[in-house]
PDB file of N, CA and C in Angstrom:
ATOM      1  N   UNK A   1       1.078  -1.039   0.180  1.00  0.00           N
ATOM      2  CA  UNK A   1       0.245   0.060   0.304  1.00  0.00           C
ATOM      3  C   UNK A   1       0.708   0.888  -0.114  1.00  0.00           C
ATOM      4  N   UNK A   2       0.520   1.165  -0.786  1.00  0.00           N
ATOM      5  CA  UNK A   2       1.176   3.469  -0.775  1.00  0.00           C
ATOM      6  C   UNK A   2       1.374   4.337   0.598  1.00  0.00           C
ATOM      7  N   UNK A   3       2.093   5.253   0.937  1.00  0.00           N
ATOM      8  CA  UNK A   3       2.548   5.953   1.899  1.00  0.00           C
ATOM      9  C   UNK A   3       1.156   6.836   1.848  1.00  0.00           C
ATOM     10  N   UNK A   4       0.513   7.310   2.499  1.00  0.00           N
ATOM     11  CA  UNK A   4      -0.473   8.611   2.729  1.00  0.00           C
ATOM     12  C   UNK A   4      -1.449   7.553   2.540  1.00  0.00           C
ATOM     13  N   UNK A   5      -1.778   6.025   2.342  1.00  0.00           N
ATOM     14  CA  UNK A   5      -2.780   5.800   2.292  1.00  0.00           C
ATOM     15  C   UNK A   5      -3.042   4.718   2.698  1.00  0.00           C
ATOM     16  N   UNK A   6      -4.549   5.016   3.769  1.00  0.00           N
ATOM     17  CA  UNK A   6      -4.784   3.014   5.238  1.00  0.00           C
ATOM     18  C   UNK A   6      -5.598   2.820   4.775  1.00  0.00           C
ATOM     19  N   UNK A   7      -5.330   1.636   5.587  1.00  0.00           N
ATOM     20  CA  UNK A   7      -5.930   0.057   5.881  1.00  0.00           C
ATOM     21  C   UNK A   7      -6.454   0.039   6.712  1.00  0.00           C
ATOM     22  N   UNK A   8      -7.783  -0.116   6.358  1.00  0.00           N
ATOM     23  CA  UNK A   8      -8.465  -0.330   6.693  1.00  0.00           C
ATOM     24  C   UNK A   8      -8.922  -1.785   7.068  1.00  0.00           C
ATOM     25  N   UNK A   9      -9.753  -1.815   9.134  1.00  0.00           N
ATOM     26  CA  UNK A   9     -10.072  -3.366   8.970  1.00  0.00           C
ATOM     27  C   UNK A   9     -11.325  -2.973   9.157  1.00  0.00           C
ATOM     28  N   UNK A  10     -12.337  -4.523   9.939  1.00  0.00           N
ATOM     29  CA  UNK A  10     -13.905  -4.954  10.345  1.00  0.00           C
ATOM     30  C   UNK A  10     -13.246  -3.706  11.756  1.00  0.00           C
ATOM     31  N   UNK A  11     -12.279  -4.320  12.451  1.00  0.00           N
ATOM     32  CA  UNK A  11     -11.809  -3.396  13.680  1.00  0.00           C
ATOM     33  C   UNK A  11     -11.618  -1.932  13.807  1.00  0.00           C
ATOM     34  N   UNK A  12     -11.072  -1.302  12.923  1.00  0.00           N
ATOM     35  CA  UNK A  12     -10.560  -0.018  12.680  1.00  0.00           C
ATOM     36  C   UNK A  12     -11.180   1.081  11.979  1.00  0.00           C
ATOM     37  N   UNK A  13     -12.249   0.641  11.157  1.00  0.00           N
ATOM     38  CA  UNK A  13     -13.479   0.719  10.158  1.00  0.00           C
ATOM     39  C   UNK A  13     -13.897   2.538  11.250  1.00  0.00           C
ATOM     40  N   UNK A  14     -14.721   1.723  11.601  1.00  0.00           N
ATOM     41  CA  UNK A  14     -15.523   2.507  12.541  1.00  0.00           C
ATOM     42  C   UNK A  14     -14.457   4.449  13.194  1.00  0.00           C
ATOM     43  N   UNK A  15     -13.433   3.960  13.475  1.00  0.00           N
ATOM     44  CA  UNK A  15     -12.416   4.750  14.272  1.00  0.00           C
ATOM     45  C   UNK A  15     -11.781   5.890  13.684  1.00  0.00           C
ATOM     46  N   UNK A  16     -11.268   5.013  12.667  1.00  0.00           N
ATOM     47  CA  UNK A  16     -10.549   5.780  11.637  1.00  0.00           C
ATOM     48  C   UNK A  16     -11.802   6.429  10.681  1.00  0.00           C
ATOM     49  N   UNK A  17     -12.782   6.458  10.709  1.00  0.00           N
ATOM     50  CA  UNK A  17     -13.224   7.028   9.656  1.00  0.00           C
ATOM     51  C   UNK A  17     -14.242   8.041  10.674  1.00  0.00           C
ATOM     52  N   UNK A  18     -14.700   7.907  11.303  1.00  0.00           N
ATOM     53  CA  UNK A  18     -15.392   9.194  12.554  1.00  0.00           C
ATOM     54  C   UNK A  18     -14.220  10.066  13.575  1.00  0.00           C
ATOM     55  N   UNK A  19     -13.043   9.503  13.475  1.00  0.00           N
ATOM     56  CA  UNK A  19     -12.278  10.205  13.281  1.00  0.00           C
ATOM     57  C   UNK A  19     -10.776  11.318  12.815  1.00  0.00           C
ATOM     58  N   UNK A  20     -11.274  11.283  11.011  1.00  0.00           N
ATOM     59  CA  UNK A  20     -10.361  11.817  10.052  1.00  0.00           C
ATOM     60  C   UNK A  20     -11.197  13.350  10.349  1.00  0.00           C
ATOM     61  N   UNK A  21      -9.913  14.080  11.297  1.00  0.00           N
ATOM     62  CA  UNK A  21      -9.669  16.135  10.475  1.00  0.00           C
ATOM     63  C   UNK A  21     -10.494  16.257   9.463  1.00  0.00           C
ATOM     64  N   UNK A  22      -9.836  15.057   8.046  1.00  0.00           N
ATOM     65  CA  UNK A  22     -10.365  15.742   6.348  1.00  0.00           C
ATOM     66  C   UNK A  22     -11.871  14.575   6.374  1.00  0.00           C
ATOM     67  N   UNK A  23     -11.616  15.191   4.831  1.00  0.00           N
ATOM     68  CA  UNK A  23     -12.623  14.398   4.180  1.00  0.00           C
ATOM     69  C   UNK A  23     -11.960  12.961   4.430  1.00  0.00           C
ATOM     70  N   UNK A  24     -12.750  11.826   4.222  1.00  0.00           N
ATOM     71  CA  UNK A  24     -12.136  10.519   4.013  1.00  0.00           C
ATOM     72  C   UNK A  24     -13.067   9.945   2.919  1.00  0.00           C
ATOM     73  N   UNK A  25     -12.086   9.757   2.252  1.00  0.00           N
ATOM     74  CA  UNK A  25     -13.011   8.205   0.364  1.00  0.00           C
ATOM     75  C   UNK A  25     -11.758   7.293   0.710  1.00  0.00           C
ATOM     76  N   UNK A  26     -13.002   5.905   1.153  1.00  0.00           N
ATOM     77  CA  UNK A  26     -12.357   4.860   1.295  1.00  0.00           C
ATOM     78  C   UNK A  26     -13.070   3.846  -0.212  1.00  0.00           C
ATOM     79  N   UNK A  27     -12.481   3.409   0.051  1.00  0.00           N
ATOM     80  CA  UNK A  27     -12.196   3.135  -1.083  1.00  0.00           C
ATOM     81  C   UNK A  27     -12.294   1.661  -1.176  1.00  0.00           C
ATOM     82  N   UNK A  28     -13.968   0.947  -1.702  1.00  0.00           N
ATOM     83  CA  UNK A  28     -14.142  -0.316  -0.824  1.00  0.00           C
ATOM     84  C   UNK A  28     -13.666  -1.436  -2.264  1.00  0.00           C
ATOM     85  N   UNK A  29     -12.490  -2.556  -2.821  1.00  0.00           N
ATOM     86  CA  UNK A  29     -11.666  -2.825  -3.525  1.00  0.00           C
ATOM     87  C   UNK A  29     -11.917  -4.673  -3.554  1.00  0.00           C
ATOM     88  N   UNK A  30     -10.733  -5.512  -4.362  1.00  0.00           N
ATOM     89  CA  UNK A  30     -11.115  -6.143  -4.226  1.00  0.00           C
ATOM     90  C   UNK A  30      -9.525  -6.342  -4.908  1.00  0.00           C
ATOM     91  N   UNK A  31      -8.480  -7.506  -4.992  1.00  0.00           N
ATOM     92  CA  UNK A  31      -7.079  -7.926  -5.205  1.00  0.00           C
ATOM     93  C   UNK A  31      -7.553  -8.384  -6.497  1.00  0.00           C
ATOM     94  N   UNK A  32      -9.149  -8.870  -7.074  1.00  0.00           N
ATOM     95  CA  UNK A  32      -9.284  -9.165  -8.397  1.00  0.00           C
ATOM     96  C   UNK A  32      -9.235  -8.967  -9.494  1.00  0.00           C
ATOM     97  N   UNK A  33      -9.999  -7.347  -8.630  1.00  0.00           N
ATOM     98  CA  UNK A  33     -10.711  -6.716  -9.172  1.00  0.00           C
ATOM     99  C   UNK A  33     -10.245  -5.702 -10.186  1.00  0.00           C
ATOM    100  N   UNK A  34      -9.997  -5.806 -11.821  1.00  0.00           N
ATOM    101  CA  UNK A  34      -9.479  -4.565 -12.794  1.00  0.00           C
ATOM    102  C   UNK A  34      -9.245  -3.914 -12.478  1.00  0.00           C
ATOM    103  N   UNK A  35     -10.167  -2.533 -12.640  1.00  0.00           N
ATOM    104  CA  UNK A  35     -11.131  -1.659 -12.710  1.00  0.00           C
ATOM    105  C   UNK A  35     -10.309  -0.789 -10.925  1.00  0.00           C
ATOM    106  N   UNK A  36     -10.346  -1.895 -10.056  1.00  0.00           N
ATOM    107  CA  UNK A  36      -9.636  -1.198  -8.794  1.00  0.00           C
ATOM    108  C   UNK A  36      -8.025  -0.758  -9.089  1.00  0.00           C
ATOM    109  N   UNK A  37      -7.520  -1.843  -9.551  1.00  0.00           N
ATOM    110  CA  UNK A  37      -6.736  -2.113  -9.965  1.00  0.00           C
ATOM    111  C   UNK A  37      -6.178  -0.847 -11.371  1.00  0.00           C
ATOM    112  N   UNK A  38      -7.048  -0.244 -11.664  1.00  0.00           N
ATOM    113  CA  UNK A  38      -6.765   0.563 -12.568  1.00  0.00           C
ATOM    114  C   UNK A  38      -6.907   2.480 -11.962  1.00  0.00           C
ATOM    115  N   UNK A  39      -7.904   2.633 -10.935  1.00  0.00           N
ATOM    116  CA  UNK A  39      -7.988   4.130 -10.076  1.00  0.00           C
ATOM    117  C   UNK A  39      -6.699   3.764  -8.824  1.00  0.00           C
ATOM    118  N   UNK A  40      -6.450   2.795  -8.606  1.00  0.00           N
ATOM    119  CA  UNK A  40      -5.149   3.004  -7.181  1.00  0.00           C
ATOM    120  C   UNK A  40      -4.155   3.619  -7.759  1.00  0.00           C
ATOM    121  N   UNK A  41      -3.678   3.794  -8.732  1.00  0.00           N
ATOM    122  CA  UNK A  41      -2.390   5.238  -9.139  1.00  0.00           C
ATOM    123  C   UNK A  41      -3.038   6.294  -8.781  1.00  0.00           C
ATOM    124  N   UNK A  42      -4.317   6.103  -9.161  1.00  0.00           N
ATOM    125  CA  UNK A  42      -4.528   7.619  -9.098  1.00  0.00           C
ATOM    126  C   UNK A  42      -4.897   7.710  -7.731  1.00  0.00           C
ATOM    127  N   UNK A  43      -5.575   7.105  -6.841  1.00  0.00           N
ATOM    128  CA  UNK A  43      -5.581   7.016  -5.219  1.00  0.00           C
ATOM    129  C   UNK A  43      -4.691   7.672  -4.639  1.00  0.00           C
ATOM    130  N   UNK A  44      -3.708   6.980  -5.023  1.00  0.00           N
ATOM    131  CA  UNK A  44      -2.274   7.266  -4.909  1.00  0.00           C
ATOM    132  C   UNK A  44      -1.932   8.733  -4.613  1.00  0.00           C
ATOM    133  N   UNK A  45      -2.149   9.494  -5.975  1.00  0.00           N
ATOM    134  CA  UNK A  45      -1.545  10.687  -6.677  1.00  0.00           C
ATOM    135  C   UNK A  45      -2.705  12.039  -6.191  1.00  0.00           C
ATOM    136  N   UNK A  46      -3.710  11.264  -5.259  1.00  0.00           N
ATOM    137  CA  UNK A  46      -4.650  12.958  -4.275  1.00  0.00           C
ATOM    138  C   UNK A  46      -3.876  11.624  -3.613  1.00  0.00           C
ATOM    139  N   UNK A  47      -3.840  11.051  -2.891  1.00  0.00           N
ATOM    140  CA  UNK A  47      -3.592  10.801  -0.954  1.00  0.00           C
ATOM    141  C   UNK A  47      -1.678  12.065  -0.734  1.00  0.00           C
ATOM    142  N   UNK A  48      -0.493  11.751  -2.148  1.00  0.00           N
ATOM    143  CA  UNK A  48       0.196  12.533  -2.446  1.00  0.00           C
ATOM    144  C   UNK A  48       0.158  13.659  -1.848  1.00  0.00           C
ATOM    145  N   UNK A  49      -0.869  14.440  -2.954  1.00  0.00           N
ATOM    146  CA  UNK A  49      -0.370  15.644  -3.733  1.00  0.00           C
ATOM    147  C   UNK A  49      -2.178  16.646  -2.810  1.00  0.00           C
ATOM    148  N   UNK A  50      -3.011  15.683  -2.089  1.00  0.00           N
ATOM    149  CA  UNK A  50      -3.636  16.539  -1.488  1.00  0.00           C
ATOM    150  C   UNK A  50      -3.764  15.964   0.432  1.00  0.00           C
ATOM    151  N   UNK A  51      -2.277  15.614   0.485  1.00  0.00           N
ATOM    152  CA  UNK A  51      -2.722  15.526   2.164  1.00  0.00           C
ATOM    153  C   UNK A  51      -3.468  16.179   3.280  1.00  0.00           C
ATOM    154  N   UNK A  52      -3.655  17.639   2.365  1.00  0.00           N
ATOM    155  CA  UNK A  52      -4.435  18.819   3.836  1.00  0.00           C
ATOM    156  C   UNK A  52      -6.073  18.219   4.049  1.00  0.00           C
ATOM    157  N   UNK A  53      -6.177  17.734   2.988  1.00  0.00           N
ATOM    158  CA  UNK A  53      -7.465  18.245   1.755  1.00  0.00           C
ATOM    159  C   UNK A  53      -8.304  17.192   1.961  1.00  0.00           C
ATOM    160  N   UNK A  54      -7.959  15.689   1.811  1.00  0.00           N
ATOM    161  CA  UNK A  54      -8.573  14.114   2.051  1.00  0.00           C
ATOM    162  C   UNK A  54      -7.516  13.182   2.071  1.00  0.00           C
ATOM    163  N   UNK A  55      -8.086  12.205   2.917  1.00  0.00           N
ATOM    164  CA  UNK A  55      -7.691  10.860   3.494  1.00  0.00           C
ATOM    165  C   UNK A  55      -8.219   9.795   2.371  1.00  0.00           C
ATOM    166  N   UNK A  56      -7.379   9.003   2.144  1.00  0.00           N
ATOM    167  CA  UNK A  56      -7.529   8.512   1.511  1.00  0.00           C
ATOM    168  C   UNK A  56      -7.214   6.705   2.097  1.00  0.00           C
ATOM    169  N   UNK A  57      -8.272   5.893   2.378  1.00  0.00           N
ATOM    170  CA  UNK A  57      -8.427   4.590   2.595  1.00  0.00           C
ATOM    171  C   UNK A  57      -8.847   3.430   1.646  1.00  0.00           C
ATOM    172  N   UNK A  58      -8.014   2.722   2.338  1.00  0.00           N
ATOM    173  CA  UNK A  58      -8.839   1.157   1.338  1.00  0.00           C
ATOM    174  C   UNK A  58      -9.486  -0.287   2.113  1.00  0.00           C
ATOM    175  N   UNK A  59     -10.841  -1.012   1.716  1.00  0.00           N
ATOM    176  CA  UNK A  59     -10.663  -2.031   2.320  1.00  0.00           C
ATOM    177  C   UNK A  59     -11.586  -2.720   1.774  1.00  0.00           C
ATOM    178  N   UNK A  60     -10.624  -3.617   2.092  1.00  0.00           N
ATOM    179  CA  UNK A  60     -10.750  -4.999   1.251  1.00  0.00           C
ATOM    180  C   UNK A  60     -11.991  -5.724   1.041  1.00  0.00           C
ATOM    181  N   UNK A  61     -13.283  -5.727   0.550  1.00  0.00           N
ATOM    182  CA  UNK A  61     -13.980  -6.249   1.184  1.00  0.00           C
ATOM    183  C   UNK A  61     -14.145  -7.986   0.186  1.00  0.00           C
ATOM    184  N   UNK A  62     -13.305  -8.452   0.001  1.00  0.00           N
ATOM    185  CA  UNK A  62     -13.036 -10.142   0.134  1.00  0.00           C
ATOM    186  C   UNK A  62     -13.126 -10.162   2.052  1.00  0.00           C
ATOM    187  N   UNK A  63     -12.041  -9.731   2.297  1.00  0.00           N
ATOM    188  CA  UNK A  63     -11.363  -9.867   4.622  1.00  0.00           C
ATOM    189  C   UNK A  63     -12.695  -9.378   4.542  1.00  0.00           C
ATOM    190  N   UNK A  64     -13.535  -8.015   4.719  1.00  0.00           N
ATOM    191  CA  UNK A  64     -14.657  -7.775   6.011  1.00  0.00           C
ATOM    192  C   UNK A  64     -15.773  -6.647   4.512  1.00  0.00           C
ATOM    193  N   UNK A  65     -16.363  -7.728   3.949  1.00  0.00           N
ATOM    194  CA  UNK A  65     -17.582  -8.787   4.018  1.00  0.00           C
ATOM    195  C   UNK A  65     -18.358  -7.761   4.836  1.00  0.00           C
ATOM    196  N   UNK A  66     -18.384  -7.695   6.007  1.00  0.00           N
ATOM    197  CA  UNK A  66     -19.110  -6.987   6.949  1.00  0.00           C
ATOM    198  C   UNK A  66     -19.666  -5.480   6.814  1.00  0.00           C
ATOM    199  N   UNK A  67     -18.288  -4.584   5.957  1.00  0.00           N
ATOM    200  CA  UNK A  67     -18.619  -3.528   5.895  1.00  0.00           C
ATOM    201  C   UNK A  67     -18.999  -2.932   5.082  1.00  0.00           C
ATOM    202  N   UNK A  68     -18.808  -4.492   3.664  1.00  0.00           N
ATOM    203  CA  UNK A  68     -19.590  -3.280   2.521  1.00  0.00           C
ATOM    204  C   UNK A  68     -20.691  -3.683   2.640  1.00  0.00           C
ATOM    205  N   UNK A  69     -21.012  -4.848   3.211  1.00  0.00           N
ATOM    206  CA  UNK A  69     -22.791  -5.039   3.139  1.00  0.00           C
ATOM    207  C   UNK A  69     -23.507  -3.471   4.244  1.00  0.00           C
ATOM    208  N   UNK A  70     -22.422  -3.081   5.124  1.00  0.00           N
ATOM    209  CA  UNK A  70     -23.241  -2.389   5.763  1.00  0.00           C
ATOM    210  C   UNK A  70     -23.407  -1.779   4.553  1.00  0.00           C
ATOM    211  N   UNK A  71     -23.211  -0.737   4.440  1.00  0.00           N
ATOM    212  CA  UNK A  71     -22.650   0.100   2.924  1.00  0.00           C
ATOM    213  C   UNK A  71     -23.748  -0.162   1.982  1.00  0.00           C
ATOM    214  N   UNK A  72     -24.093  -1.284   1.662  1.00  0.00           N
ATOM    215  CA  UNK A  72     -24.439  -1.520   1.042  1.00  0.00           C
ATOM    216  C   UNK A  72     -23.844  -1.888  -0.603  1.00  0.00           C
ATOM    217  N   UNK A  73     -22.273  -2.070  -0.611  1.00  0.00           N
ATOM    218  CA  UNK A  73     -21.421  -2.045  -1.576  1.00  0.00           C
ATOM    219  C   UNK A  73     -22.042  -3.459  -2.258  1.00  0.00           C
ATOM    220  N   UNK A  74     -21.728  -2.719  -3.170  1.00  0.00           N
ATOM    221  CA  UNK A  74     -22.933  -4.196  -4.186  1.00  0.00           C
ATOM    222  C   UNK A  74     -21.867  -4.701  -5.511  1.00  0.00           C
ATOM    223  N   UNK A  75     -20.610  -3.165  -6.206  1.00  0.00           N
ATOM    224  CA  UNK A  75     -20.013  -3.681  -6.724  1.00  0.00           C
ATOM    225  C   UNK A  75     -18.523  -2.800  -6.432  1.00  0.00           C
ATOM    226  N   UNK A  76     -17.753  -3.323  -6.982  1.00  0.00           N
ATOM    227  CA  UNK A  76     -16.245  -2.551  -7.388  1.00  0.00           C
ATOM    228  C   UNK A  76     -15.745  -2.234  -8.596  1.00  0.00           C
ATOM    229  N   UNK A  77     -14.695  -1.312  -7.959  1.00  0.00           N
ATOM    230  CA  UNK A  77     -14.587  -0.108  -7.097  1.00  0.00           C
ATOM    231  C   UNK A  77     -15.811   0.503  -6.128  1.00  0.00           C
ATOM    232  N   UNK A  78     -16.301   0.635  -5.793  1.00  0.00           N
ATOM    233  CA  UNK A  78     -16.741   1.615  -5.290  1.00  0.00           C
ATOM    234  C   UNK A  78     -16.143   2.599  -3.896  1.00  0.00           C
ATOM    235  N   UNK A  79     -16.054   4.162  -4.533  1.00  0.00           N
ATOM    236  CA  UNK A  79     -15.992   4.843  -3.209  1.00  0.00           C
ATOM    237  C   UNK A  79     -16.453   6.003  -2.397  1.00  0.00           C
ATOM    238  N   UNK A  80     -16.891   5.919  -1.232  1.00  0.00           N
ATOM    239  CA  UNK A  80     -17.663   6.949  -0.519  1.00  0.00           C
ATOM    240  C   UNK A  80     -16.735   7.485   0.198  1.00  0.00           C
ATOM    241  N   UNK A  81     -17.824   8.480   0.276  1.00  0.00           N
ATOM    242  CA  UNK A  81     -16.356   9.842   0.853  1.00  0.00           C
ATOM    243  C   UNK A  81     -17.377  10.194   2.172  1.00  0.00           C
ATOM    244  N   UNK A  82     -16.995   9.840   3.058  1.00  0.00           N
ATOM    245  CA  UNK A  82     -17.013  10.269   4.315  1.00  0.00           C
ATOM    246  C   UNK A  82     -16.914  12.066   5.004  1.00  0.00           C
ATOM    247  N   UNK A  83     -17.924  12.352   5.817  1.00  0.00           N
ATOM    248  CA  UNK A  83     -16.566  13.790   6.571  1.00  0.00           C
ATOM    249  C   UNK A  83     -17.891  13.590   8.128  1.00  0.00           C
ATOM    250  N   UNK A  84     -16.866  13.124   8.643  1.00  0.00           N
ATOM    251  CA  UNK A  84     -17.461  13.555  10.103  1.00  0.00           C
ATOM    252  C   UNK A  84     -18.137  12.503  10.395  1.00  0.00           C
ATOM    253  N   UNK A  85     -18.203  11.313   9.804  1.00  0.00           N
ATOM    254  CA  UNK A  85     -18.854   9.705  10.122  1.00  0.00           C
ATOM    255  C   UNK A  85     -20.165  10.414   8.870  1.00  0.00           C
ATOM    256  N   UNK A  86     -20.156  11.011   8.194  1.00  0.00           N
ATOM    257  CA  UNK A  86     -21.541  11.035   6.776  1.00  0.00           C
ATOM    258  C   UNK A  86     -21.285  11.071   6.018  1.00  0.00           C
ATOM    259  N   UNK A  87     -22.008  10.162   5.588  1.00  0.00           N
ATOM    260  CA  UNK A  87     -21.443   9.932   3.227  1.00  0.00           C
ATOM    261  C   UNK A  87     -21.972  10.710   3.045  1.00  0.00           C
ATOM    262  N   UNK A  88     -21.153  11.573   2.408  1.00  0.00           N
ATOM    263  CA  UNK A  88     -21.045  13.167   1.701  1.00  0.00           C
ATOM    264  C   UNK A  88     -21.243  12.549  -0.081  1.00  0.00           C
ATOM    265  N   UNK A  89     -20.417  11.378  -0.993  1.00  0.00           N
ATOM    266  CA  UNK A  89     -20.564  11.366  -1.944  1.00  0.00           C
ATOM    267  C   UNK A  89     -20.381   9.132  -1.853  1.00  0.00           C
ATOM    268  N   UNK A  90     -20.957   9.186  -3.050  1.00  0.00           N
ATOM    269  CA  UNK A  90     -20.366   7.800  -3.535  1.00  0.00           C
ATOM    270  C   UNK A  90     -20.326   8.526  -5.075  1.00  0.00           C
ATOM    271  N   UNK A  91     -19.031   7.350  -4.992  1.00  0.00           N
ATOM    272  CA  UNK A  91     -17.831   6.544  -6.845  1.00  0.00           C
ATOM    273  C   UNK A  91     -18.371   5.716  -7.197  1.00  0.00           C
ATOM    274  N   UNK A  92     -19.388   4.881  -8.311  1.00  0.00           N
ATOM    275  CA  UNK A  92     -18.905   3.951  -8.344  1.00  0.00           C
ATOM    276  C   UNK A  92     -18.121   3.663  -9.996  1.00  0.00           C
ATOM    277  N   UNK A  93     -16.806   2.809  -9.690  1.00  0.00           N
ATOM    278  CA  UNK A  93     -16.131   2.265 -11.076  1.00  0.00           C
ATOM    279  C   UNK A  93     -14.855   3.305 -11.240  1.00  0.00           C
ATOM    280  N   UNK A  94     -14.014   2.619 -12.099  1.00  0.00           N
ATOM    281  CA  UNK A  94     -12.933   3.958 -11.985  1.00  0.00           C
ATOM    282  C   UNK A  94     -13.377   4.605 -13.262  1.00  0.00           C
ATOM    283  N   UNK A  95     -12.526   5.559 -12.820  1.00  0.00           N
ATOM    284  CA  UNK A  95     -12.980   6.580 -14.134  1.00  0.00           C
ATOM    285  C   UNK A  95     -11.625   8.437 -13.616  1.00  0.00           C
ATOM    286  N   UNK A  96     -11.002   8.555 -14.849  1.00  0.00           N
ATOM    287  CA  UNK A  96      -9.826   8.981 -15.257  1.00  0.00           C
ATOM    288  C   UNK A  96     -10.145  10.264 -13.822  1.00  0.00           C
ATOM    289  N   UNK A  97      -8.925  10.454 -13.129  1.00  0.00           N
ATOM    290  CA  UNK A  97      -8.462  11.669 -12.501  1.00  0.00           C
ATOM    291  C   UNK A  97      -9.271  12.551 -12.219  1.00  0.00           C
ATOM    292  N   UNK A  98      -8.930  13.294 -13.474  1.00  0.00           N
ATOM    293  CA  UNK A  98      -9.867  14.640 -13.214  1.00  0.00           C
ATOM    294  C   UNK A  98     -11.386  15.076 -13.104  1.00  0.00           C
ATOM    295  N   UNK A  99     -11.761  13.484 -13.601  1.00  0.00           N
ATOM    296  CA  UNK A  99     -13.087  13.139 -13.291  1.00  0.00           C
ATOM    297  C   UNK A  99     -13.531  12.571 -11.725  1.00  0.00           C
ATOM    298  N   UNK A 100     -12.540  12.699 -11.408  1.00  0.00           N
ATOM    299  CA  UNK A 100     -13.093  12.109  -9.286  1.00  0.00           C
ATOM    300  C   UNK A 100     -12.568  13.156  -9.150  1.00  0.00           C
ATOM    301  N   UNK A 101     -11.593  13.661  -9.482  1.00  0.00           N
ATOM    302  CA  UNK A 101     -11.287  15.396  -8.556  1.00  0.00           C
ATOM    303  C   UNK A 101     -12.015  15.942  -8.821  1.00  0.00           C
ATOM    304  N   UNK A 102     -13.280  16.017  -9.584  1.00  0.00           N
ATOM    305  CA  UNK A 102     -14.409  16.924 -10.310  1.00  0.00           C
ATOM    306  C   UNK A 102     -15.422  16.912  -8.867  1.00  0.00           C
ATOM    307  N   UNK A 103     -15.744  15.278  -9.312  1.00  0.00           N
ATOM    308  CA  UNK A 103     -16.475  14.725  -8.189  1.00  0.00           C
ATOM    309  C   UNK A 103     -17.116  14.522  -6.824  1.00  0.00           C
ATOM    310  N   UNK A 104     -15.508  15.125  -6.237  1.00  0.00           N
ATOM    311  CA  UNK A 104     -14.515  14.994  -4.848  1.00  0.00           C
ATOM    312  C   UNK A 104     -15.035  16.574  -4.643  1.00  0.00           C
ATOM    313  N   UNK A 105     -14.585  17.514  -5.477  1.00  0.00           N
ATOM    314  CA  UNK A 105     -14.161  18.641  -4.973  1.00  0.00           C
ATOM    315  C   UNK A 105     -14.925  19.512  -4.525  1.00  0.00           C
ATOM    316  N   UNK A 106     -16.342  19.691  -4.763  1.00  0.00           N
ATOM    317  CA  UNK A 106     -17.954  20.110  -3.466  1.00  0.00           C
ATOM    318  C   UNK A 106     -17.692  19.432  -2.765  1.00  0.00           C
ATOM    319  N   UNK A 107     -17.022  18.310  -1.727  1.00  0.00           N
ATOM    320  CA  UNK A 107     -16.873  18.060  -0.284  1.00  0.00           C
ATOM    321  C   UNK A 107     -15.582  18.524  -0.259  1.00  0.00           C
ATOM    322  N   UNK A 108     -14.338  19.324  -0.966  1.00  0.00           N
ATOM    323  CA  UNK A 108     -13.655  18.963  -0.285  1.00  0.00           C
ATOM    324  C   UNK A 108     -13.185  20.425   0.748  1.00  0.00           C
ATOM    325  N   UNK A 109     -12.073  20.836   1.419  1.00  0.00           N
ATOM    326  CA  UNK A 109     -12.227  22.196   1.770  1.00  0.00           C
ATOM    327  C   UNK A 109     -11.215  22.722   0.402  1.00  0.00           C
ATOM    328  N   UNK A 110     -10.589  24.115   0.721  1.00  0.00           N
ATOM    329  CA  UNK A 110      -9.955  24.201  -0.704  1.00  0.00           C
ATOM    330  C   UNK A 110      -8.406  24.687  -0.032  1.00  0.00           C
ATOM    331  N   UNK A 111      -7.492  24.449  -0.926  1.00  0.00           N
ATOM    332  CA  UNK A 111      -6.032  23.982  -0.807  1.00  0.00           C
ATOM    333  C   UNK A 111      -5.730  25.180   0.131  1.00  0.00           C
ATOM    334  N   UNK A 112      -4.593  24.447   1.141  1.00  0.00           N
ATOM    335  CA  UNK A 112      -4.255  25.526   2.348  1.00  0.00           C
ATOM    336  C   UNK A 112      -2.551  26.034   1.942  1.00  0.00           C
TER     337      UNK A 112
END
């Protein structure tokens, strides 16, 4: 996992998501998922380029299906953006970095 990206588990999910000072984008993914592999470098770039604006986290749905089920994640990749523990937006499927940033920008603080 790239520096700046948090790996979540069933036992850490609630604490990390609810205590994040910045909006946190949780990527629900699996090792066998081609589109998940396509967006991984994009998420790494966002984590590196915007650490004061957004936190990036990943949750493997094969290992932690209980959390995926809790949020009705039916297909992957699905990314949920949380802020203060509340879901702000849902992105399903892979997309180019520019489009992903466009989707997220409505919910992120201005760059510092």
